[in-house]
Amino acid sequence: MTTKRKATGVPKNTFRSAYNLGNENYSETFNDGLTEQHHTDQCDINKILAQFMETGIMPKTNANPQYADVSNVDFQEMQNTLATAKTLFEELPEQVKDTFNNEMHSFLNFAENPDNLPQMEEWGLAIKNERLAQALQAEAGEETTSLPAGKSDESDAAEQLST
């Protein structure tokens, strides 16, 4: 409880100025929140587990759950890998980073796609590898002339010259 001022009868903890005599109540009370309360049963973990224990079926969600054995994954090692990837991404030319709005995950998705190899070669981020290009074409179903396993282009050329 606050004490009132003798002259005005206004509580001592209110702010007074030339524009506010201190006797107005500016507080507002909101009884209706913005939270939609009809979702509470769907979000309550106790009710979700009770439903699962009763039916044996998890409730449908929009997310695709992924289950994996990550017992061999070291947290510190993964953090170091992520830090290394961020450092390497920061070392890329500004033109390349601007193409992906400075988002590392967008660049990684682009770089993992074999169809983007010519663009990566143009930026100087990949080296043209004929054997890899042939393997990718063969995987795509196009006819290629492939080298026998374990032999390089130079060894074939040297074999042909010696015969």
N, C-alpha and C. Protein backbone atom coordinates (compact mmCIF):
# COMPACT_ATOMS: atom_id res chain seq x y z
N MET A 1 0.84 -1.18 0.00
CA MET A 1 0.00 0.00 0.00
C MET A 1 0.88 1.24 0.00
N THR A 2 0.50 2.22 -0.75
CA THR A 2 1.30 3.44 -0.84
C THR A 2 0.65 4.53 0.03
N THR A 3 1.50 5.41 0.47
CA THR A 3 0.99 6.52 1.26
C THR A 3 0.59 7.67 0.35
N LYS A 4 -0.38 8.45 0.76
CA LYS A 4 -0.87 9.56 -0.06
C LYS A 4 -0.16 10.85 0.35
N ARG A 5 0.02 11.72 -0.58
CA ARG A 5 0.57 13.04 -0.29
C ARG A 5 -0.48 13.86 0.44
N LYS A 6 -0.03 14.66 1.33
CA LYS A 6 -0.95 15.43 2.15
C LYS A 6 -1.70 16.47 1.33
N ALA A 7 -1.00 17.16 0.43
CA ALA A 7 -1.64 18.27 -0.28
C ALA A 7 -2.59 17.79 -1.36
N THR A 8 -2.21 16.77 -2.11
CA THR A 8 -3.02 16.36 -3.27
C THR A 8 -3.75 15.06 -3.07
N GLY A 9 -3.31 14.22 -2.19
CA GLY A 9 -3.94 12.92 -2.01
C GLY A 9 -3.50 11.90 -3.04
N VAL A 10 -2.46 12.21 -3.84
CA VAL A 10 -1.95 11.31 -4.88
C VAL A 10 -0.89 10.41 -4.25
N PRO A 11 -0.86 9.11 -4.62
CA PRO A 11 0.18 8.23 -4.08
C PRO A 11 1.57 8.74 -4.43
N LYS A 12 2.53 8.52 -3.50
CA LYS A 12 3.88 9.04 -3.67
C LYS A 12 4.65 8.41 -4.82
N ASN A 13 4.32 7.19 -5.22
CA ASN A 13 5.12 6.53 -6.24
C ASN A 13 4.65 6.82 -7.66
N THR A 14 3.81 7.80 -7.89
CA THR A 14 3.39 8.16 -9.25
C THR A 14 4.28 9.26 -9.78
N PHE A 15 4.35 9.34 -11.07
CA PHE A 15 5.17 10.33 -11.74
C PHE A 15 4.35 11.59 -11.98
N ARG A 16 4.89 12.71 -11.58
CA ARG A 16 4.19 13.98 -11.78
C ARG A 16 5.05 14.89 -12.63
N SER A 17 4.41 15.64 -13.51
CA SER A 17 5.11 16.63 -14.32
C SER A 17 4.16 17.79 -14.55
N ALA A 18 4.59 18.76 -15.34
CA ALA A 18 3.73 19.90 -15.65
C ALA A 18 2.52 19.48 -16.47
N TYR A 19 2.64 18.34 -17.17
CA TYR A 19 1.56 17.87 -18.03
C TYR A 19 0.71 16.80 -17.37
N ASN A 20 1.15 16.29 -16.24
CA ASN A 20 0.44 15.23 -15.54
C ASN A 20 0.36 15.63 -14.07
N LEU A 21 -0.83 15.83 -13.59
CA LEU A 21 -1.02 16.22 -12.21
C LEU A 21 -0.91 15.04 -11.26
N GLY A 22 -0.86 13.83 -11.80
CA GLY A 22 -0.66 12.65 -10.97
C GLY A 22 -1.94 12.02 -10.49
N ASN A 23 -3.08 12.52 -10.93
CA ASN A 23 -4.32 11.92 -10.45
C ASN A 23 -5.04 11.11 -11.52
N GLU A 24 -4.44 10.92 -12.71
CA GLU A 24 -5.03 10.10 -13.75
C GLU A 24 -4.51 8.68 -13.66
N ASN A 25 -5.35 7.74 -14.00
CA ASN A 25 -4.94 6.35 -14.00
C ASN A 25 -4.75 5.93 -15.46
N TYR A 26 -3.51 5.68 -15.86
CA TYR A 26 -3.20 5.34 -17.25
C TYR A 26 -3.02 3.84 -17.46
N SER A 27 -3.23 3.06 -16.45
CA SER A 27 -3.00 1.63 -16.60
C SER A 27 -4.11 0.99 -17.43
N GLU A 28 -3.74 -0.07 -18.13
CA GLU A 28 -4.69 -0.82 -18.93
C GLU A 28 -4.63 -2.28 -18.51
N THR A 29 -5.75 -2.94 -18.58
CA THR A 29 -5.82 -4.35 -18.22
C THR A 29 -6.27 -5.13 -19.44
N PHE A 30 -5.52 -6.17 -19.77
CA PHE A 30 -5.86 -7.01 -20.90
C PHE A 30 -6.23 -8.40 -20.38
N ASN A 31 -7.43 -8.81 -20.64
CA ASN A 31 -7.88 -10.12 -20.19
C ASN A 31 -7.78 -11.16 -21.30
N ASP A 32 -7.80 -10.72 -22.54
CA ASP A 32 -7.73 -11.67 -23.65
C ASP A 32 -6.32 -11.66 -24.24
N GLY A 33 -5.61 -12.77 -24.10
CA GLY A 33 -4.26 -12.87 -24.64
C GLY A 33 -4.29 -13.21 -26.11
N LEU A 34 -3.15 -13.12 -26.74
CA LEU A 34 -3.04 -13.45 -28.16
C LEU A 34 -2.80 -14.95 -28.37
N THR A 35 -2.54 -15.67 -27.29
CA THR A 35 -2.28 -17.10 -27.41
C THR A 35 -3.59 -17.84 -27.64
N GLU A 36 -3.57 -18.72 -28.62
CA GLU A 36 -4.76 -19.52 -28.91
C GLU A 36 -4.79 -20.68 -27.93
N GLN A 37 -5.74 -20.67 -27.03
CA GLN A 37 -5.79 -21.64 -25.97
C GLN A 37 -6.33 -23.00 -26.41
N HIS A 38 -6.95 -23.09 -27.59
CA HIS A 38 -7.51 -24.38 -27.99
C HIS A 38 -6.45 -25.37 -28.45
N HIS A 39 -5.17 -24.96 -28.49
CA HIS A 39 -4.09 -25.87 -28.86
C HIS A 39 -3.40 -26.48 -27.65
N THR A 40 -3.85 -26.16 -26.45
CA THR A 40 -3.13 -26.60 -25.26
C THR A 40 -3.09 -28.12 -25.14
N ASP A 41 -4.17 -28.80 -25.48
CA ASP A 41 -4.19 -30.27 -25.37
C ASP A 41 -3.23 -30.91 -26.37
N GLN A 42 -3.08 -30.31 -27.55
CA GLN A 42 -2.19 -30.86 -28.57
C GLN A 42 -0.73 -30.64 -28.22
N CYS A 43 -0.44 -29.66 -27.36
CA CYS A 43 0.94 -29.33 -27.02
C CYS A 43 1.39 -29.89 -25.68
N ASP A 44 0.47 -30.36 -24.88
CA ASP A 44 0.79 -30.88 -23.55
C ASP A 44 1.45 -32.25 -23.69
N ILE A 45 2.71 -32.36 -23.27
CA ILE A 45 3.46 -33.59 -23.44
C ILE A 45 2.83 -34.74 -22.66
N ASN A 46 2.24 -34.43 -21.53
CA ASN A 46 1.60 -35.49 -20.73
C ASN A 46 0.42 -36.09 -21.49
N LYS A 47 -0.36 -35.26 -22.16
CA LYS A 47 -1.51 -35.76 -22.91
C LYS A 47 -1.06 -36.50 -24.18
N ILE A 48 0.02 -36.03 -24.79
CA ILE A 48 0.54 -36.71 -25.97
C ILE A 48 1.02 -38.12 -25.60
N LEU A 49 1.78 -38.21 -24.51
CA LEU A 49 2.28 -39.52 -24.08
C LEU A 49 1.15 -40.43 -23.61
N ALA A 50 0.13 -39.86 -22.96
CA ALA A 50 -1.01 -40.68 -22.53
C ALA A 50 -1.72 -41.26 -23.75
N GLN A 51 -1.86 -40.45 -24.81
CA GLN A 51 -2.49 -40.94 -26.04
C GLN A 51 -1.64 -42.04 -26.67
N PHE A 52 -0.32 -41.84 -26.66
CA PHE A 52 0.58 -42.85 -27.23
C PHE A 52 0.51 -44.15 -26.44
N MET A 53 0.49 -44.05 -25.13
CA MET A 53 0.43 -45.26 -24.29
C MET A 53 -0.88 -46.01 -24.50
N GLU A 54 -1.94 -45.28 -24.79
CA GLU A 54 -3.25 -45.90 -24.98
C GLU A 54 -3.37 -46.55 -26.36
N THR A 55 -2.91 -45.85 -27.40
CA THR A 55 -3.11 -46.34 -28.77
C THR A 55 -1.86 -46.96 -29.37
N GLY A 56 -0.67 -46.56 -28.91
CA GLY A 56 0.57 -47.06 -29.50
C GLY A 56 0.95 -46.33 -30.77
N ILE A 57 0.24 -45.26 -31.09
CA ILE A 57 0.50 -44.49 -32.31
C ILE A 57 0.78 -43.05 -31.92
N MET A 58 1.88 -42.52 -32.47
CA MET A 58 2.18 -41.11 -32.21
C MET A 58 1.21 -40.23 -32.99
N PRO A 59 0.83 -39.08 -32.46
CA PRO A 59 -0.05 -38.16 -33.19
C PRO A 59 0.62 -37.65 -34.46
N LYS A 60 -0.17 -37.37 -35.47
CA LYS A 60 0.38 -36.87 -36.73
C LYS A 60 0.94 -35.47 -36.55
N THR A 61 2.08 -35.23 -37.18
CA THR A 61 2.69 -33.91 -37.18
C THR A 61 3.10 -33.57 -38.60
N ASN A 62 3.38 -32.32 -38.84
CA ASN A 62 3.85 -31.90 -40.16
C ASN A 62 5.34 -32.19 -40.32
N ALA A 63 6.04 -32.35 -39.23
CA ALA A 63 7.48 -32.59 -39.29
C ALA A 63 7.75 -34.06 -39.59
N ASN A 64 8.86 -34.31 -40.25
CA ASN A 64 9.31 -35.68 -40.51
C ASN A 64 10.38 -36.02 -39.48
N PRO A 65 10.03 -36.82 -38.48
CA PRO A 65 11.04 -37.14 -37.47
C PRO A 65 12.13 -38.02 -38.07
N GLN A 66 13.35 -37.79 -37.64
CA GLN A 66 14.48 -38.58 -38.10
C GLN A 66 15.13 -39.21 -36.88
N TYR A 67 15.34 -40.50 -36.96
CA TYR A 67 15.95 -41.23 -35.86
C TYR A 67 17.31 -41.73 -36.34
N ALA A 68 18.30 -41.57 -35.49
CA ALA A 68 19.64 -42.01 -35.87
C ALA A 68 20.42 -42.36 -34.61
N ASP A 69 21.39 -43.23 -34.79
CA ASP A 69 22.30 -43.56 -33.70
C ASP A 69 23.44 -42.56 -33.75
N VAL A 70 23.47 -41.65 -32.82
CA VAL A 70 24.50 -40.62 -32.79
C VAL A 70 25.44 -40.82 -31.60
N SER A 71 25.55 -42.05 -31.14
CA SER A 71 26.39 -42.32 -29.98
C SER A 71 27.87 -42.12 -30.30
N ASN A 72 28.26 -42.25 -31.57
CA ASN A 72 29.67 -42.07 -31.95
C ASN A 72 29.99 -40.63 -32.34
N VAL A 73 29.02 -39.74 -32.28
CA VAL A 73 29.23 -38.36 -32.67
C VAL A 73 29.69 -37.57 -31.46
N ASP A 74 30.80 -36.87 -31.62
CA ASP A 74 31.35 -36.06 -30.54
C ASP A 74 30.91 -34.62 -30.75
N PHE A 75 30.33 -34.01 -29.73
CA PHE A 75 29.82 -32.65 -29.84
C PHE A 75 30.94 -31.67 -30.18
N GLN A 76 32.07 -31.78 -29.50
CA GLN A 76 33.18 -30.85 -29.74
C GLN A 76 33.70 -30.98 -31.17
N GLU A 77 33.77 -32.21 -31.67
CA GLU A 77 34.24 -32.43 -33.04
C GLU A 77 33.29 -31.79 -34.05
N MET A 78 31.99 -31.92 -33.80
CA MET A 78 31.02 -31.31 -34.71
C MET A 78 31.09 -29.79 -34.67
N GLN A 79 31.31 -29.23 -33.48
CA GLN A 79 31.45 -27.78 -33.37
C GLN A 79 32.70 -27.30 -34.12
N ASN A 80 33.79 -28.06 -34.03
CA ASN A 80 35.01 -27.71 -34.76
C ASN A 80 34.79 -27.79 -36.27
N THR A 81 34.06 -28.80 -36.72
CA THR A 81 33.76 -28.93 -38.15
C THR A 81 32.92 -27.76 -38.63
N LEU A 82 31.95 -27.37 -37.84
CA LEU A 82 31.10 -26.24 -38.19
C LEU A 82 31.92 -24.95 -38.23
N ALA A 83 32.80 -24.76 -37.26
CA ALA A 83 33.65 -23.56 -37.23
C ALA A 83 34.57 -23.51 -38.45
N THR A 84 35.10 -24.66 -38.84
CA THR A 84 35.96 -24.73 -40.02
C THR A 84 35.17 -24.38 -41.28
N ALA A 85 33.95 -24.91 -41.39
CA ALA A 85 33.11 -24.61 -42.55
C ALA A 85 32.78 -23.13 -42.61
N LYS A 86 32.49 -22.52 -41.47
CA LYS A 86 32.20 -21.08 -41.45
C LYS A 86 33.42 -20.28 -41.88
N THR A 87 34.60 -20.68 -41.40
CA THR A 87 35.82 -19.98 -41.77
C THR A 87 36.07 -20.08 -43.27
N LEU A 88 35.91 -21.28 -43.82
CA LEU A 88 36.13 -21.45 -45.26
C LEU A 88 35.11 -20.66 -46.07
N PHE A 89 33.87 -20.60 -45.59
CA PHE A 89 32.86 -19.83 -46.30
C PHE A 89 33.20 -18.34 -46.27
N GLU A 90 33.71 -17.86 -45.15
CA GLU A 90 34.06 -16.44 -45.03
C GLU A 90 35.24 -16.09 -45.94
N GLU A 91 36.06 -17.06 -46.30
CA GLU A 91 37.21 -16.81 -47.16
C GLU A 91 36.83 -16.77 -48.64
N LEU A 92 35.58 -17.12 -48.98
CA LEU A 92 35.15 -17.08 -50.38
C LEU A 92 35.10 -15.65 -50.88
N PRO A 93 35.20 -15.46 -52.20
CA PRO A 93 35.07 -14.10 -52.74
C PRO A 93 33.69 -13.52 -52.44
N GLU A 94 33.65 -12.19 -52.30
CA GLU A 94 32.39 -11.51 -51.96
C GLU A 94 31.31 -11.77 -53.00
N GLN A 95 31.70 -11.89 -54.27
CA GLN A 95 30.72 -12.14 -55.34
C GLN A 95 29.97 -13.45 -55.09
N VAL A 96 30.70 -14.47 -54.67
CA VAL A 96 30.10 -15.77 -54.42
C VAL A 96 29.18 -15.70 -53.20
N LYS A 97 29.67 -15.07 -52.12
CA LYS A 97 28.86 -14.97 -50.91
C LYS A 97 27.60 -14.15 -51.15
N ASP A 98 27.69 -13.10 -51.97
CA ASP A 98 26.51 -12.28 -52.28
C ASP A 98 25.48 -13.08 -53.06
N THR A 99 25.95 -14.01 -53.89
CA THR A 99 25.02 -14.86 -54.66
C THR A 99 24.12 -15.65 -53.73
N PHE A 100 24.65 -16.03 -52.58
CA PHE A 100 23.89 -16.85 -51.63
C PHE A 100 23.43 -16.04 -50.41
N ASN A 101 23.39 -14.71 -50.53
CA ASN A 101 22.95 -13.82 -49.45
C ASN A 101 23.72 -14.05 -48.15
N ASN A 102 25.01 -14.37 -48.28
CA ASN A 102 25.89 -14.63 -47.13
C ASN A 102 25.35 -15.73 -46.22
N GLU A 103 24.66 -16.71 -46.79
CA GLU A 103 24.13 -17.83 -46.02
C GLU A 103 24.91 -19.09 -46.37
N MET A 104 25.62 -19.62 -45.39
CA MET A 104 26.49 -20.77 -45.62
C MET A 104 25.70 -22.00 -46.05
N HIS A 105 24.55 -22.23 -45.44
CA HIS A 105 23.79 -23.43 -45.77
C HIS A 105 23.29 -23.41 -47.21
N SER A 106 22.98 -22.23 -47.75
CA SER A 106 22.56 -22.14 -49.15
C SER A 106 23.72 -22.51 -50.08
N PHE A 107 24.91 -22.03 -49.74
CA PHE A 107 26.08 -22.36 -50.54
C PHE A 107 26.38 -23.86 -50.48
N LEU A 108 26.29 -24.46 -49.28
CA LEU A 108 26.58 -25.89 -49.15
C LEU A 108 25.59 -26.72 -49.95
N ASN A 109 24.32 -26.35 -49.94
CA ASN A 109 23.32 -27.07 -50.75
C ASN A 109 23.65 -26.94 -52.23
N PHE A 110 24.10 -25.76 -52.66
CA PHE A 110 24.48 -25.54 -54.05
C PHE A 110 25.71 -26.37 -54.41
N ALA A 111 26.70 -26.38 -53.53
CA ALA A 111 27.97 -27.06 -53.82
C ALA A 111 27.82 -28.57 -53.84
N GLU A 112 26.86 -29.11 -53.10
CA GLU A 112 26.67 -30.56 -53.05
C GLU A 112 25.99 -31.11 -54.30
N ASN A 113 25.36 -30.26 -55.09
CA ASN A 113 24.64 -30.70 -56.28
C ASN A 113 25.63 -30.85 -57.44
N PRO A 114 25.78 -32.04 -58.03
CA PRO A 114 26.73 -32.23 -59.13
C PRO A 114 26.38 -31.42 -60.38
N ASP A 115 25.12 -31.02 -60.53
CA ASP A 115 24.75 -30.23 -61.70
C ASP A 115 25.36 -28.83 -61.66
N ASN A 116 25.80 -28.39 -60.49
CA ASN A 116 26.36 -27.05 -60.34
C ASN A 116 27.88 -27.03 -60.48
N LEU A 117 28.46 -28.16 -60.88
CA LEU A 117 29.92 -28.24 -61.01
C LEU A 117 30.49 -27.23 -62.01
N PRO A 118 29.87 -27.01 -63.17
CA PRO A 118 30.43 -26.00 -64.08
C PRO A 118 30.50 -24.60 -63.46
N GLN A 119 29.50 -24.22 -62.69
CA GLN A 119 29.52 -22.90 -62.05
C GLN A 119 30.61 -22.85 -60.99
N MET A 120 30.79 -23.95 -60.25
CA MET A 120 31.84 -23.99 -59.24
C MET A 120 33.22 -23.89 -59.90
N GLU A 121 33.38 -24.52 -61.09
CA GLU A 121 34.65 -24.43 -61.82
C GLU A 121 34.87 -23.01 -62.31
N GLU A 122 33.80 -22.34 -62.74
CA GLU A 122 33.92 -20.97 -63.23
C GLU A 122 34.38 -20.04 -62.11
N TRP A 123 33.89 -20.26 -60.89
CA TRP A 123 34.30 -19.44 -59.75
C TRP A 123 35.68 -19.81 -59.25
N GLY A 124 36.25 -20.91 -59.72
CA GLY A 124 37.55 -21.36 -59.27
C GLY A 124 37.48 -22.15 -57.97
N LEU A 125 36.32 -22.67 -57.63
CA LEU A 125 36.15 -23.42 -56.39
C LEU A 125 36.21 -24.92 -56.61
N ALA A 126 36.26 -25.35 -57.86
CA ALA A 126 36.36 -26.77 -58.18
C ALA A 126 37.33 -26.93 -59.34
N ILE A 127 37.98 -28.08 -59.38
CA ILE A 127 38.92 -28.38 -60.45
C ILE A 127 38.25 -29.35 -61.40
N LYS A 128 38.37 -29.08 -62.69
CA LYS A 128 37.75 -29.94 -63.68
C LYS A 128 38.42 -31.30 -63.64
N ASN A 129 37.64 -32.32 -63.48
CA ASN A 129 38.14 -33.68 -63.38
C ASN A 129 37.40 -34.50 -64.43
N GLU A 130 38.10 -34.91 -65.45
CA GLU A 130 37.47 -35.63 -66.56
C GLU A 130 36.89 -36.96 -66.11
N ARG A 131 37.63 -37.68 -65.25
CA ARG A 131 37.12 -38.98 -64.79
C ARG A 131 35.85 -38.81 -63.98
N LEU A 132 35.79 -37.74 -63.16
CA LEU A 132 34.58 -37.48 -62.38
C LEU A 132 33.43 -37.10 -63.30
N ALA A 133 33.72 -36.30 -64.32
CA ALA A 133 32.68 -35.91 -65.27
C ALA A 133 32.14 -37.13 -66.00
N GLN A 134 33.02 -38.06 -66.38
CA GLN A 134 32.57 -39.28 -67.04
C GLN A 134 31.72 -40.13 -66.10
N ALA A 135 32.13 -40.22 -64.85
CA ALA A 135 31.36 -41.01 -63.88
C ALA A 135 29.99 -40.39 -63.66
N LEU A 136 29.92 -39.07 -63.60
CA LEU A 136 28.63 -38.41 -63.42
C LEU A 136 27.73 -38.61 -64.64
N GLN A 137 28.33 -38.57 -65.84
CA GLN A 137 27.54 -38.80 -67.05
C GLN A 137 27.05 -40.24 -67.09
N ALA A 138 27.90 -41.18 -66.70
CA ALA A 138 27.49 -42.58 -66.69
C ALA A 138 26.37 -42.80 -65.68
N GLU A 139 26.47 -42.13 -64.57
CA GLU A 139 25.41 -42.24 -63.55
C GLU A 139 24.11 -41.66 -64.07
N ALA A 140 24.21 -40.62 -64.90
CA ALA A 140 23.01 -40.00 -65.46
C ALA A 140 22.42 -40.84 -66.58
N GLY A 141 23.13 -41.88 -67.04
CA GLY A 141 22.59 -42.77 -68.06
C GLY A 141 23.08 -42.46 -69.46
N GLU A 142 24.00 -41.53 -69.59
CA GLU A 142 24.54 -41.22 -70.92
C GLU A 142 25.66 -42.20 -71.23
N GLU A 143 25.85 -42.48 -72.53
CA GLU A 143 26.93 -43.39 -72.93
C GLU A 143 28.25 -42.65 -72.90
N THR A 144 29.22 -43.26 -72.25
CA THR A 144 30.56 -42.67 -72.20
C THR A 144 31.57 -43.77 -72.45
N THR A 145 32.76 -43.36 -72.78
CA THR A 145 33.85 -44.32 -72.89
C THR A 145 34.61 -44.23 -71.59
N SER A 146 34.58 -45.29 -70.82
CA SER A 146 35.20 -45.25 -69.51
C SER A 146 36.54 -45.97 -69.54
N LEU A 147 37.39 -45.59 -68.64
CA LEU A 147 38.70 -46.21 -68.52
C LEU A 147 38.57 -47.43 -67.61
N PRO A 148 39.44 -48.43 -67.80
CA PRO A 148 39.42 -49.56 -66.88
C PRO A 148 39.76 -49.09 -65.46
N ALA A 149 39.26 -49.78 -64.48
CA ALA A 149 39.49 -49.39 -63.09
C ALA A 149 40.97 -49.45 -62.77
N GLY A 150 41.46 -48.43 -62.06
CA GLY A 150 42.84 -48.42 -61.62
C GLY A 150 43.81 -47.84 -62.62
N LYS A 151 43.33 -47.42 -63.79
CA LYS A 151 44.25 -46.84 -64.79
C LYS A 151 43.87 -45.39 -64.99
N SER A 152 44.87 -44.56 -65.20
CA SER A 152 44.62 -43.15 -65.47
C SER A 152 44.80 -42.89 -66.95
N ASP A 153 44.50 -41.68 -67.38
CA ASP A 153 44.64 -41.30 -68.79
C ASP A 153 46.09 -41.44 -69.24
N GLU A 154 47.04 -41.07 -68.37
CA GLU A 154 48.46 -41.11 -68.74
C GLU A 154 48.92 -42.55 -68.95
N SER A 155 48.45 -43.48 -68.11
CA SER A 155 48.91 -44.86 -68.24
C SER A 155 48.38 -45.48 -69.53
N ASP A 156 47.17 -45.14 -69.95
CA ASP A 156 46.63 -45.62 -71.22
C ASP A 156 47.42 -45.08 -72.39
N ALA A 157 47.74 -43.79 -72.32
CA ALA A 157 48.51 -43.18 -73.40
C ALA A 157 49.90 -43.80 -73.49
N ALA A 158 50.53 -44.04 -72.35
CA ALA A 158 51.87 -44.63 -72.35
C ALA A 158 51.80 -46.06 -72.86
N GLU A 159 50.76 -46.81 -72.56
CA GLU A 159 50.60 -48.17 -73.04
C GLU A 159 50.45 -48.21 -74.55
N GLN A 160 49.67 -47.27 -75.09
CA GLN A 160 49.45 -47.23 -76.53
C GLN A 160 50.74 -46.86 -77.25
N LEU A 161 51.55 -45.96 -76.68
CA LEU A 161 52.81 -45.57 -77.32
C LEU A 161 53.81 -46.71 -77.30
N SER A 162 53.81 -47.50 -76.27
CA SER A 162 54.81 -48.57 -76.14
C SER A 162 54.47 -49.75 -77.05
N THR A 163 53.22 -49.91 -77.47
CA THR A 163 52.87 -51.04 -78.33
C THR A 163 53.03 -50.77 -79.77
